[in-house]
Amino acid sequence: MPTSKISTNHFNKAVNAYNKALTNNKAIAPSKEQQQIAQPLNVLRAGDVIDVVSKQSASFSGLVSEIVAPQIKKIQEGEKKSTKVINSKEDLVEVAAALNKAEGALHLLVTVRDKVINAYQEILKMPL
């Protein structure tokens, strides 16, 4: 059986090129335009800074309400702006942005609901 040989020199060059590309990518941060586009979509990109704040919640329902309340406000803002556009009192670009945020909030709420239901079902499957 013939075997293919990779020279050590080519392999080392490939590894060095990979390491160089990896270190260069760590220094690249997303532009402000990319951050503005990704923010309403709840998309994380390489180089994004995430503030993690520990909050003490009294109960599970308190934690859920902390997550759900801002999302409901976004949906309500989208509804208000869409009714204003019917009366020609609101700019279409602002309405589109508000509806985009509302859609993202709705997707987030549905995802959280699904995760909570799946976790509950997994707990029910556990033997006591």
N, C-alpha and C. Protein backbone atom coordinates (compact mmCIF):
# COMPACT_ATOMS: atom_id res chain seq x y z
N MET A 1 0.83 -1.17 0.00
CA MET A 1 0.00 0.00 0.00
C MET A 1 0.87 1.24 0.00
N PRO A 2 0.62 2.14 -0.93
CA PRO A 2 1.41 3.36 -0.93
C PRO A 2 0.92 4.30 0.18
N THR A 3 1.85 4.93 0.79
CA THR A 3 1.51 5.90 1.83
C THR A 3 1.99 7.27 1.39
N SER A 4 1.23 8.27 1.75
CA SER A 4 1.65 9.63 1.42
C SER A 4 2.41 10.20 2.60
N LYS A 5 3.46 10.90 2.28
CA LYS A 5 4.28 11.48 3.33
C LYS A 5 4.10 12.99 3.31
N ILE A 6 3.94 13.54 4.48
CA ILE A 6 3.87 14.98 4.62
C ILE A 6 5.18 15.43 5.23
N SER A 7 5.82 16.33 4.54
CA SER A 7 7.10 16.77 5.09
C SER A 7 6.87 17.60 6.34
N THR A 8 7.79 17.50 7.23
CA THR A 8 7.70 18.23 8.49
C THR A 8 7.68 19.73 8.25
N ASN A 9 8.39 20.16 7.25
CA ASN A 9 8.47 21.59 6.95
C ASN A 9 7.10 22.14 6.56
N HIS A 10 6.36 21.43 5.70
CA HIS A 10 5.03 21.88 5.29
C HIS A 10 4.07 21.87 6.48
N PHE A 11 4.17 20.84 7.28
CA PHE A 11 3.30 20.75 8.46
C PHE A 11 3.56 21.91 9.42
N ASN A 12 4.83 22.19 9.67
CA ASN A 12 5.17 23.30 10.58
C ASN A 12 4.71 24.64 10.03
N LYS A 13 4.82 24.83 8.72
CA LYS A 13 4.34 26.07 8.11
C LYS A 13 2.83 26.21 8.29
N ALA A 14 2.12 25.12 8.12
CA ALA A 14 0.67 25.16 8.28
C ALA A 14 0.28 25.48 9.72
N VAL A 15 0.96 24.86 10.67
CA VAL A 15 0.67 25.13 12.08
C VAL A 15 0.98 26.58 12.42
N ASN A 16 2.10 27.09 11.93
CA ASN A 16 2.46 28.48 12.20
C ASN A 16 1.46 29.44 11.58
N ALA A 17 1.00 29.15 10.38
CA ALA A 17 0.00 30.00 9.74
C ALA A 17 -1.31 29.98 10.52
N TYR A 18 -1.69 28.81 10.99
CA TYR A 18 -2.91 28.70 11.79
C TYR A 18 -2.80 29.51 13.08
N ASN A 19 -1.68 29.37 13.78
CA ASN A 19 -1.47 30.11 15.02
C ASN A 19 -1.46 31.61 14.78
N LYS A 20 -0.86 32.04 13.68
CA LYS A 20 -0.82 33.47 13.36
C LYS A 20 -2.23 33.99 13.09
N ALA A 21 -3.01 33.23 12.33
CA ALA A 21 -4.39 33.64 12.05
C ALA A 21 -5.22 33.67 13.32
N LEU A 22 -4.99 32.73 14.21
CA LEU A 22 -5.74 32.68 15.46
C LEU A 22 -5.44 33.89 16.33
N THR A 23 -4.18 34.27 16.45
CA THR A 23 -3.84 35.44 17.26
C THR A 23 -4.32 36.72 16.61
N ASN A 24 -4.35 36.80 15.29
CA ASN A 24 -4.85 38.00 14.62
C ASN A 24 -6.35 38.14 14.80
N ASN A 25 -7.09 37.03 14.81
CA ASN A 25 -8.54 37.10 14.96
C ASN A 25 -8.95 37.55 16.35
N LYS A 26 -8.14 37.28 17.37
CA LYS A 26 -8.49 37.71 18.72
C LYS A 26 -8.47 39.22 18.84
N ALA A 27 -7.66 39.88 18.02
CA ALA A 27 -7.54 41.33 18.11
C ALA A 27 -8.63 42.05 17.31
N ILE A 28 -9.36 41.34 16.47
CA ILE A 28 -10.39 41.96 15.63
C ILE A 28 -11.68 42.05 16.42
N ALA A 29 -12.19 43.24 16.55
CA ALA A 29 -13.47 43.45 17.23
C ALA A 29 -14.51 43.83 16.19
N PRO A 30 -15.77 43.49 16.41
CA PRO A 30 -16.80 43.86 15.44
C PRO A 30 -16.98 45.37 15.38
N SER A 31 -17.32 45.86 14.20
CA SER A 31 -17.54 47.30 14.03
C SER A 31 -18.83 47.71 14.74
N LYS A 32 -19.00 49.02 14.91
CA LYS A 32 -20.21 49.51 15.57
C LYS A 32 -21.45 49.15 14.76
N GLU A 33 -21.33 49.18 13.43
CA GLU A 33 -22.47 48.81 12.59
C GLU A 33 -22.85 47.36 12.81
N GLN A 34 -21.84 46.48 12.91
CA GLN A 34 -22.12 45.07 13.14
C GLN A 34 -22.76 44.86 14.51
N GLN A 35 -22.31 45.62 15.51
CA GLN A 35 -22.89 45.49 16.84
C GLN A 35 -24.33 45.97 16.85
N GLN A 36 -24.62 47.07 16.13
CA GLN A 36 -25.98 47.59 16.08
C GLN A 36 -26.91 46.62 15.38
N ILE A 37 -26.41 45.96 14.34
CA ILE A 37 -27.24 44.99 13.62
C ILE A 37 -27.47 43.76 14.48
N ALA A 38 -26.44 43.30 15.17
CA ALA A 38 -26.54 42.07 15.95
C ALA A 38 -27.32 42.26 17.24
N GLN A 39 -27.35 43.47 17.78
CA GLN A 39 -27.99 43.68 19.08
C GLN A 39 -29.47 43.34 19.07
N PRO A 40 -30.29 43.85 18.11
CA PRO A 40 -31.71 43.49 18.17
C PRO A 40 -31.96 42.01 17.89
N LEU A 41 -31.02 41.35 17.24
CA LEU A 41 -31.20 39.95 16.90
C LEU A 41 -30.69 39.01 17.99
N ASN A 42 -30.13 39.59 19.07
CA ASN A 42 -29.58 38.79 20.17
C ASN A 42 -28.51 37.82 19.67
N VAL A 43 -27.61 38.32 18.83
CA VAL A 43 -26.55 37.50 18.26
C VAL A 43 -25.24 37.89 18.92
N LEU A 44 -24.47 36.92 19.34
CA LEU A 44 -23.15 37.18 19.89
C LEU A 44 -22.11 36.94 18.81
N ARG A 45 -21.16 37.84 18.74
CA ARG A 45 -20.08 37.73 17.76
C ARG A 45 -18.75 37.64 18.52
N ALA A 46 -17.72 37.19 17.83
CA ALA A 46 -16.39 37.14 18.43
C ALA A 46 -15.98 38.55 18.80
N GLY A 47 -15.48 38.71 20.00
CA GLY A 47 -15.04 40.02 20.46
C GLY A 47 -16.10 40.80 21.20
N ASP A 48 -17.33 40.31 21.26
CA ASP A 48 -18.38 41.01 22.01
C ASP A 48 -18.06 40.96 23.49
N VAL A 49 -18.38 42.04 24.17
CA VAL A 49 -18.17 42.11 25.60
C VAL A 49 -19.51 41.86 26.28
N ILE A 50 -19.52 40.94 27.22
CA ILE A 50 -20.75 40.58 27.92
C ILE A 50 -20.56 40.93 29.39
N ASP A 51 -21.46 41.74 29.91
CA ASP A 51 -21.44 42.05 31.33
C ASP A 51 -22.26 41.00 32.06
N VAL A 52 -21.62 40.32 32.99
CA VAL A 52 -22.31 39.30 33.77
C VAL A 52 -22.47 39.86 35.18
N VAL A 53 -23.71 40.03 35.57
CA VAL A 53 -24.01 40.56 36.89
C VAL A 53 -24.78 39.50 37.65
N SER A 54 -24.33 39.19 38.84
CA SER A 54 -25.02 38.21 39.66
C SER A 54 -26.16 38.90 40.39
N LYS A 55 -27.36 38.39 40.20
CA LYS A 55 -28.53 38.93 40.88
C LYS A 55 -29.10 37.85 41.78
N GLN A 56 -29.47 38.26 42.95
CA GLN A 56 -30.10 37.33 43.88
C GLN A 56 -31.61 37.43 43.70
N SER A 57 -32.23 36.36 43.29
CA SER A 57 -33.68 36.33 43.14
C SER A 57 -34.27 35.56 44.30
N ALA A 58 -35.42 36.04 44.74
CA ALA A 58 -36.07 35.39 45.87
C ALA A 58 -36.63 34.03 45.49
N SER A 59 -37.05 33.90 44.24
CA SER A 59 -37.67 32.65 43.82
C SER A 59 -37.49 32.45 42.33
N PHE A 60 -37.89 31.28 41.87
CA PHE A 60 -37.84 31.00 40.45
C PHE A 60 -38.77 31.92 39.68
N SER A 61 -39.95 32.18 40.24
CA SER A 61 -40.90 33.07 39.56
C SER A 61 -40.33 34.49 39.46
N GLY A 62 -39.56 34.92 40.46
CA GLY A 62 -38.92 36.23 40.40
C GLY A 62 -37.89 36.29 39.28
N LEU A 63 -37.14 35.21 39.12
CA LEU A 63 -36.15 35.14 38.06
C LEU A 63 -36.82 35.18 36.69
N VAL A 64 -37.88 34.41 36.53
CA VAL A 64 -38.60 34.38 35.26
C VAL A 64 -39.20 35.75 34.96
N SER A 65 -39.77 36.41 35.97
CA SER A 65 -40.38 37.72 35.73
C SER A 65 -39.33 38.76 35.36
N GLU A 66 -38.09 38.64 35.90
CA GLU A 66 -37.01 39.55 35.51
C GLU A 66 -36.64 39.38 34.05
N ILE A 67 -36.76 38.17 33.54
CA ILE A 67 -36.44 37.91 32.14
C ILE A 67 -37.60 38.31 31.23
N VAL A 68 -38.80 38.00 31.65
CA VAL A 68 -39.98 38.17 30.80
C VAL A 68 -40.43 39.63 30.70
N ALA A 69 -40.38 40.37 31.80
CA ALA A 69 -40.93 41.74 31.83
C ALA A 69 -40.33 42.66 30.76
N PRO A 70 -39.00 42.72 30.59
CA PRO A 70 -38.47 43.60 29.54
C PRO A 70 -38.88 43.16 28.13
N GLN A 71 -39.02 41.85 27.94
CA GLN A 71 -39.41 41.36 26.62
C GLN A 71 -40.85 41.75 26.30
N ILE A 72 -41.70 41.69 27.30
CA ILE A 72 -43.10 42.09 27.09
C ILE A 72 -43.17 43.57 26.76
N LYS A 73 -42.33 44.38 27.41
CA LYS A 73 -42.31 45.82 27.11
C LYS A 73 -41.90 46.07 25.66
N LYS A 74 -40.94 45.32 25.16
CA LYS A 74 -40.52 45.47 23.76
C LYS A 74 -41.66 45.14 22.82
N ILE A 75 -42.39 44.09 23.12
CA ILE A 75 -43.53 43.70 22.28
C ILE A 75 -44.60 44.78 22.32
N GLN A 76 -44.88 45.32 23.50
CA GLN A 76 -45.88 46.37 23.62
C GLN A 76 -45.46 47.64 22.88
N GLU A 77 -44.16 47.99 22.91
CA GLU A 77 -43.68 49.15 22.17
C GLU A 77 -43.87 48.95 20.68
N GLY A 78 -43.61 47.75 20.19
CA GLY A 78 -43.83 47.46 18.77
C GLY A 78 -45.29 47.60 18.39
N GLU A 79 -46.19 47.14 19.26
CA GLU A 79 -47.62 47.27 18.99
C GLU A 79 -48.05 48.73 18.97
N LYS A 80 -47.54 49.54 19.92
CA LYS A 80 -47.90 50.96 19.97
C LYS A 80 -47.43 51.69 18.72
N LYS A 81 -46.20 51.42 18.30
CA LYS A 81 -45.67 52.10 17.12
C LYS A 81 -46.40 51.67 15.86
N SER A 82 -46.80 50.40 15.79
CA SER A 82 -47.53 49.96 14.59
C SER A 82 -48.91 50.59 14.52
N THR A 83 -49.55 50.84 15.66
CA THR A 83 -50.84 51.53 15.63
C THR A 83 -50.66 53.01 15.29
N LYS A 84 -49.54 53.61 15.69
CA LYS A 84 -49.29 55.01 15.33
C LYS A 84 -49.05 55.18 13.84
N VAL A 85 -48.45 54.18 13.20
CA VAL A 85 -48.19 54.30 11.76
C VAL A 85 -49.49 54.26 10.98
N ILE A 86 -50.49 53.59 11.51
CA ILE A 86 -51.80 53.58 10.85
C ILE A 86 -52.38 54.98 10.83
N ASN A 87 -52.16 55.73 11.90
CA ASN A 87 -52.65 57.10 11.99
C ASN A 87 -51.65 58.10 11.39
N SER A 88 -50.60 57.62 10.73
CA SER A 88 -49.56 58.43 10.10
C SER A 88 -48.85 59.33 11.10
N LYS A 89 -48.63 58.86 12.30
CA LYS A 89 -47.94 59.65 13.31
C LYS A 89 -46.53 59.13 13.60
N GLU A 90 -46.12 58.08 12.96
CA GLU A 90 -44.83 57.47 13.29
C GLU A 90 -44.06 57.19 12.00
N ASP A 91 -42.73 57.29 12.10
CA ASP A 91 -41.85 57.02 10.97
C ASP A 91 -41.78 55.51 10.72
N LEU A 92 -41.81 55.12 9.46
CA LEU A 92 -41.81 53.69 9.12
C LEU A 92 -40.53 52.98 9.56
N VAL A 93 -39.41 53.68 9.51
CA VAL A 93 -38.14 53.06 9.91
C VAL A 93 -38.17 52.73 11.40
N GLU A 94 -38.69 53.66 12.21
CA GLU A 94 -38.78 53.41 13.65
C GLU A 94 -39.75 52.27 13.95
N VAL A 95 -40.81 52.21 13.19
CA VAL A 95 -41.78 51.13 13.38
C VAL A 95 -41.15 49.78 13.02
N ALA A 96 -40.42 49.75 11.91
CA ALA A 96 -39.77 48.51 11.50
C ALA A 96 -38.75 48.06 12.55
N ALA A 97 -38.00 49.01 13.11
CA ALA A 97 -37.02 48.67 14.14
C ALA A 97 -37.72 48.15 15.39
N ALA A 98 -38.81 48.80 15.79
CA ALA A 98 -39.55 48.36 16.98
C ALA A 98 -40.15 46.98 16.77
N LEU A 99 -40.67 46.73 15.57
CA LEU A 99 -41.25 45.41 15.29
C LEU A 99 -40.17 44.33 15.24
N ASN A 100 -38.99 44.70 14.76
CA ASN A 100 -37.87 43.75 14.74
C ASN A 100 -37.46 43.38 16.16
N LYS A 101 -37.41 44.38 17.05
CA LYS A 101 -37.09 44.10 18.45
C LYS A 101 -38.19 43.25 19.09
N ALA A 102 -39.44 43.55 18.76
CA ALA A 102 -40.55 42.78 19.32
C ALA A 102 -40.49 41.33 18.85
N GLU A 103 -40.14 41.13 17.59
CA GLU A 103 -40.03 39.77 17.06
C GLU A 103 -38.91 39.01 17.77
N GLY A 104 -37.77 39.67 17.97
CA GLY A 104 -36.67 39.03 18.69
C GLY A 104 -37.06 38.70 20.12
N ALA A 105 -37.80 39.60 20.76
CA ALA A 105 -38.25 39.36 22.14
C ALA A 105 -39.20 38.17 22.19
N LEU A 106 -40.09 38.08 21.21
CA LEU A 106 -41.04 36.97 21.17
C LEU A 106 -40.31 35.64 20.98
N HIS A 107 -39.33 35.63 20.09
CA HIS A 107 -38.55 34.40 19.89
C HIS A 107 -37.81 34.01 21.17
N LEU A 108 -37.28 35.00 21.88
CA LEU A 108 -36.59 34.72 23.14
C LEU A 108 -37.55 34.14 24.16
N LEU A 109 -38.74 34.71 24.27
CA LEU A 109 -39.72 34.20 25.23
C LEU A 109 -40.15 32.78 24.90
N VAL A 110 -40.34 32.50 23.63
CA VAL A 110 -40.74 31.15 23.22
C VAL A 110 -39.62 30.16 23.54
N THR A 111 -38.38 30.56 23.31
CA THR A 111 -37.25 29.69 23.61
C THR A 111 -37.14 29.43 25.10
N VAL A 112 -37.31 30.47 25.91
CA VAL A 112 -37.25 30.30 27.37
C VAL A 112 -38.38 29.38 27.83
N ARG A 113 -39.57 29.59 27.28
CA ARG A 113 -40.71 28.73 27.66
C ARG A 113 -40.41 27.27 27.33
N ASP A 114 -39.88 27.03 26.13
CA ASP A 114 -39.58 25.66 25.72
C ASP A 114 -38.53 25.03 26.63
N LYS A 115 -37.51 25.81 27.00
CA LYS A 115 -36.47 25.28 27.89
C LYS A 115 -37.03 24.96 29.27
N VAL A 116 -37.91 25.81 29.78
CA VAL A 116 -38.52 25.56 31.09
C VAL A 116 -39.38 24.30 31.04
N ILE A 117 -40.15 24.13 29.98
CA ILE A 117 -41.00 22.94 29.85
C ILE A 117 -40.14 21.69 29.74
N ASN A 118 -39.07 21.75 28.95
CA ASN A 118 -38.17 20.59 28.83
C ASN A 118 -37.51 20.25 30.16
N ALA A 119 -37.10 21.27 30.90
CA ALA A 119 -36.49 21.02 32.21
C ALA A 119 -37.49 20.39 33.16
N TYR A 120 -38.73 20.87 33.14
CA TYR A 120 -39.77 20.30 34.00
C TYR A 120 -40.03 18.84 33.64
N GLN A 121 -40.08 18.55 32.34
CA GLN A 121 -40.30 17.17 31.92
C GLN A 121 -39.14 16.27 32.33
N GLU A 122 -37.91 16.78 32.27
CA GLU A 122 -36.76 16.00 32.71
C GLU A 122 -36.82 15.74 34.21
N ILE A 123 -37.27 16.72 34.97
CA ILE A 123 -37.40 16.53 36.42
C ILE A 123 -38.45 15.46 36.72
N LEU A 124 -39.54 15.46 35.97
CA LEU A 124 -40.58 14.45 36.18
C LEU A 124 -40.08 13.04 35.88
N LYS A 125 -39.12 12.91 34.98
CA LYS A 125 -38.58 11.60 34.62
C LYS A 125 -37.63 11.05 35.68
N MET A 126 -37.14 11.91 36.57
CA MET A 126 -36.17 11.47 37.57
C MET A 126 -36.83 10.58 38.62
N PRO A 127 -36.14 9.50 38.99
CA PRO A 127 -36.69 8.65 40.05
C PRO A 127 -36.53 9.33 41.41
N LEU A 128 -37.50 9.09 42.27
CA LEU A 128 -37.44 9.68 43.62
C LEU A 128 -36.90 8.72 44.62
